[in-house]
Amino acid sequence: MGLEKSAIVAAALKLLAEVGLEGLTLRRLAAELDVQAPALYWHVRNKQELLDEMAAAIIRPHLDRPPLTDPTQWREWLADYARGERDMLNSYRDGARITAGTRPSPELFDMIEGMVAALERVGFDVVEAGVGVFALSNYVGGFVLEEQADRGRPDQPEEHPDIEAVTAAYPRLMAALNHLGDPQGDLAFEEGVRLVLDGMEARLRRSQGAAS
């Protein structure tokens, strides 16, 4: 029986969990599928096309998001979207790197179109709505890149810095860290989301004030 693209992508995602993005090659994937490498080229022309297909497979189950039914709850609706996107990317090893720079699928365009339309009903200008969605998504992607890079860093002997000396040298930095805790932790993520949403809300109020 011939190979199917879905089987190739499923095997690639399984291999990704074992070896990470750096170890994922078409030759290694072919060995995993017990075929010769040229057999894969009937379905994916190169590694980038494979990554596009993998990204689409990662994203596809998360495209059906709850609609915005109450316009007054748009902030929490977008925050839930951001949390869901973070969870999605973290559900795969190197998930943020896989999805970054890959070709968006038509289904993803459909979801973004719907999100922008929902924000228009809230009162956002169409351009402001689109910019807000992109900014939030880019923030999540960048945050998860840092999360996953931190987890992938080789273990080293833990050093315990002199907190008093560090605080004296970098009081502003330490004030922020004392509030956030882990820079790649949940509180840091939520504060970043809130900052993006605050900016969107400020623009919404400004445009509504100009229209009145």
Protein backbone atom coordinates (compact mmCIF):
# COMPACT_ATOMS: atom_id res chain seq x y z
CA MET A 1 0.00 0.00 0.00
CA GLY A 2 1.36 3.46 -0.94
CA LEU A 3 2.21 6.18 1.50
CA GLU A 4 -0.39 8.79 2.37
CA LYS A 5 0.49 12.36 3.29
CA SER A 6 -1.43 12.10 6.56
CA ALA A 7 0.68 9.10 7.60
CA ILE A 8 3.88 10.95 6.72
CA VAL A 9 2.85 13.98 8.78
CA ALA A 10 1.80 11.81 11.74
CA ALA A 11 5.15 10.01 11.65
CA ALA A 12 6.98 13.34 11.42
CA LEU A 13 5.20 14.66 14.51
CA LYS A 14 6.02 11.46 16.38
CA LEU A 15 9.66 11.75 15.36
CA LEU A 16 9.65 15.42 16.36
CA ALA A 17 8.76 14.42 19.92
CA GLU A 18 11.73 12.07 19.99
CA VAL A 19 14.49 14.08 18.30
CA GLY A 20 13.29 17.69 18.11
CA LEU A 21 13.35 19.97 15.10
CA GLU A 22 17.14 19.79 14.70
CA GLY A 23 17.05 16.01 14.44
CA LEU A 24 14.10 15.86 12.07
CA THR A 25 15.30 15.13 8.53
CA LEU A 26 13.60 13.60 5.53
CA ARG A 27 16.14 10.80 5.53
CA ARG A 28 15.43 9.99 9.17
CA LEU A 29 11.69 10.21 8.55
CA ALA A 30 12.01 7.83 5.62
CA ALA A 31 13.82 5.34 7.84
CA GLU A 32 11.06 5.69 10.43
CA LEU A 33 8.49 4.85 7.74
CA ASP A 34 10.70 2.05 6.36
CA VAL A 35 10.82 3.55 2.88
CA GLN A 36 13.48 5.11 0.69
CA ALA A 37 13.78 8.90 0.96
CA PRO A 38 12.69 9.52 -2.67
CA ALA A 39 9.29 7.99 -1.83
CA LEU A 40 8.56 10.99 0.37
CA TYR A 41 9.05 13.45 -2.47
CA TRP A 42 5.80 12.35 -4.09
CA HIS A 43 4.05 13.98 -1.12
CA VAL A 44 6.44 16.67 0.21
CA ARG A 45 9.01 18.30 -2.05
CA ASN A 46 11.37 19.38 0.72
CA LYS A 47 11.65 19.85 4.47
CA GLN A 48 9.96 23.25 4.41
CA GLU A 49 6.88 21.76 2.76
CA LEU A 50 6.90 19.03 5.40
CA LEU A 51 7.05 21.68 8.12
CA ASP A 52 4.10 23.49 6.50
CA GLU A 53 2.08 20.28 6.65
CA MET A 54 3.13 19.62 10.24
CA ALA A 55 2.18 23.15 11.29
CA ALA A 56 -1.23 22.76 9.66
CA ALA A 57 -1.74 19.47 11.52
CA ILE A 58 -0.78 21.10 14.83
CA ILE A 59 -3.11 24.06 14.29
CA ARG A 60 -6.10 22.31 12.68
CA PRO A 61 -7.67 20.85 15.86
CA HIS A 62 -7.59 24.31 17.47
CA LEU A 63 -9.28 26.29 14.72
CA ASP A 64 -12.80 25.75 16.01
CA ARG A 65 -12.82 28.33 18.78
CA PRO A 66 -15.94 29.53 20.63
CA PRO A 67 -17.49 32.59 18.95
CA LEU A 68 -17.73 35.96 20.66
CA THR A 69 -21.36 36.02 21.79
CA ASP A 70 -21.13 38.99 24.18
CA PRO A 71 -19.25 41.99 22.72
CA THR A 72 -18.57 43.33 26.22
CA GLN A 73 -16.44 40.24 26.91
CA TRP A 74 -14.06 40.74 23.99
CA ARG A 75 -11.00 41.06 26.22
CA GLU A 76 -11.57 37.72 27.94
CA TRP A 77 -12.44 36.14 24.58
CA LEU A 78 -9.07 37.23 23.14
CA ALA A 79 -7.26 36.24 26.34
CA ASP A 80 -8.76 32.75 26.06
CA TYR A 81 -7.60 32.63 22.44
CA ALA A 82 -4.06 33.53 23.54
CA ARG A 83 -4.07 30.89 26.28
CA GLY A 84 -5.35 28.29 23.84
CA GLU A 85 -2.65 29.18 21.31
CA ARG A 86 0.03 28.90 23.99
CA ASP A 87 -1.27 25.49 25.07
CA MET A 88 -1.42 24.38 21.43
CA LEU A 89 2.20 25.35 20.72
CA ASN A 90 3.40 23.78 23.96
CA SER A 91 1.65 20.51 23.18
CA TYR A 92 4.45 19.69 20.71
CA ARG A 93 8.19 19.77 21.13
CA ASP A 94 9.51 22.83 19.27
CA GLY A 95 5.89 23.66 18.38
CA ALA A 96 6.56 27.39 18.19
CA ARG A 97 9.51 26.92 15.85
CA ILE A 98 7.50 24.55 13.66
CA THR A 99 4.66 27.04 13.17
CA ALA A 100 6.84 30.16 12.87
CA GLY A 101 7.40 31.06 9.25
CA THR A 102 5.33 28.23 7.80
CA ARG A 103 2.70 28.81 5.14
CA PRO A 104 -0.68 29.67 6.73
CA SER A 105 -3.50 27.31 5.83
CA PRO A 106 -6.83 28.48 4.35
CA GLU A 107 -8.51 27.28 7.56
CA LEU A 108 -6.33 29.66 9.56
CA PHE A 109 -7.32 32.52 7.28
CA ASP A 110 -10.97 31.63 7.90
CA MET A 111 -10.47 31.76 11.68
CA ILE A 112 -8.68 35.13 11.56
CA GLU A 113 -11.35 36.52 9.25
CA GLY A 114 -13.98 35.52 11.79
CA MET A 115 -12.04 37.02 14.69
CA VAL A 116 -11.64 40.35 12.89
CA ALA A 117 -15.33 40.37 12.00
CA ALA A 118 -16.23 39.75 15.65
CA LEU A 119 -14.02 42.64 16.78
CA GLU A 120 -15.64 44.88 14.17
CA ARG A 121 -18.97 44.19 15.86
CA VAL A 122 -17.38 45.33 19.13
CA GLY A 123 -16.54 48.65 17.48
CA PHE A 124 -12.98 48.17 16.25
CA ASP A 125 -11.92 49.53 12.89
CA VAL A 126 -11.17 46.58 10.60
CA VAL A 127 -7.46 47.49 10.36
CA GLU A 128 -7.13 47.99 14.12
CA ALA A 129 -8.84 44.64 14.70
CA GLY A 130 -6.47 42.86 12.34
CA VAL A 131 -3.41 44.53 13.82
CA GLY A 132 -4.57 43.55 17.31
CA VAL A 133 -5.08 39.89 16.40
CA PHE A 134 -1.67 39.73 14.71
CA ALA A 135 0.05 41.46 17.64
CA LEU A 136 -1.51 39.07 20.14
CA SER A 137 -0.64 36.00 18.08
CA ASN A 138 2.93 37.22 17.53
CA TYR A 139 3.30 37.85 21.25
CA VAL A 140 2.16 34.30 22.06
CA GLY A 141 4.49 32.81 19.46
CA GLY A 142 7.47 34.75 20.76
CA PHE A 143 6.67 33.91 24.37
CA VAL A 144 6.45 30.19 23.63
CA LEU A 145 9.68 30.32 21.63
CA GLU A 146 11.37 31.56 24.81
CA GLU A 147 9.60 28.95 26.94
CA GLN A 148 10.66 26.10 24.71
CA ALA A 149 14.21 27.39 24.25
CA ASP A 150 14.54 27.61 28.03
CA ARG A 151 13.37 24.01 28.42
CA GLY A 152 15.76 22.87 25.69
CA ARG A 153 18.83 24.45 27.27
CA PRO A 154 21.36 21.85 28.50
CA ASP A 155 21.29 21.29 32.25
CA GLN A 156 24.08 23.05 34.08
CA PRO A 157 25.03 23.16 37.76
CA GLU A 158 22.66 25.57 39.45
CA GLU A 159 24.30 28.75 40.65
CA HIS A 160 22.81 30.81 43.44
CA PRO A 161 23.46 34.51 42.83
CA ASP A 162 23.85 37.02 45.61
CA ILE A 163 20.31 38.44 45.52
CA GLU A 164 21.25 41.52 47.53
CA ALA A 165 24.10 42.34 45.16
CA VAL A 166 21.97 41.74 42.07
CA THR A 167 19.16 43.89 43.50
CA ALA A 168 21.58 46.70 44.27
CA ALA A 169 23.03 46.54 40.74
CA TYR A 170 19.72 46.11 38.88
CA PRO A 171 16.92 47.45 41.09
CA ARG A 172 14.44 48.06 38.25
CA LEU A 173 14.97 44.64 36.72
CA MET A 174 14.58 42.95 40.09
CA ALA A 175 11.42 44.91 40.86
CA ALA A 176 9.84 43.52 37.69
CA LEU A 177 11.12 39.99 38.38
CA ASN A 178 9.91 40.10 41.97
CA HIS A 179 6.44 40.80 40.62
CA LEU A 180 6.49 38.31 37.75
CA GLY A 181 8.55 35.47 39.16
CA ASP A 182 9.61 33.22 36.28
CA PRO A 183 9.89 35.38 33.11
CA GLN A 184 8.52 32.40 31.17
CA GLY A 185 5.85 31.60 33.75
CA ASP A 186 2.09 31.94 33.75
CA LEU A 187 1.98 35.35 35.47
CA ALA A 188 4.47 36.81 32.99
CA PHE A 189 2.38 35.45 30.12
CA GLU A 190 -0.86 36.88 31.51
CA GLU A 191 0.71 40.29 32.11
CA GLY A 192 1.93 40.41 28.52
CA VAL A 193 -1.51 39.48 27.20
CA ARG A 194 -3.05 42.18 29.38
CA LEU A 195 -0.60 44.75 28.01
CA VAL A 196 -1.59 43.92 24.41
CA LEU A 197 -5.29 44.06 25.29
CA ASP A 198 -4.83 47.36 27.14
CA GLY A 199 -3.32 48.81 23.98
CA MET A 200 -6.22 47.53 21.89
CA GLU A 201 -8.73 48.95 24.35
CA ALA A 202 -7.01 52.34 24.34
CA ARG A 203 -7.23 52.47 20.55
CA LEU A 204 -10.85 51.39 20.65
CA ARG A 205 -11.74 54.19 23.07
CA ARG A 206 -9.82 56.73 21.01
CA SER A 207 -11.61 55.75 17.80
CA GLN A 208 -14.99 55.75 19.52
CA GLY A 209 -14.26 59.18 20.97
CA ALA A 210 -13.31 60.52 17.55
CA ALA A 211 -16.52 59.13 16.06
CA SER A 212 -18.79 60.70 18.69
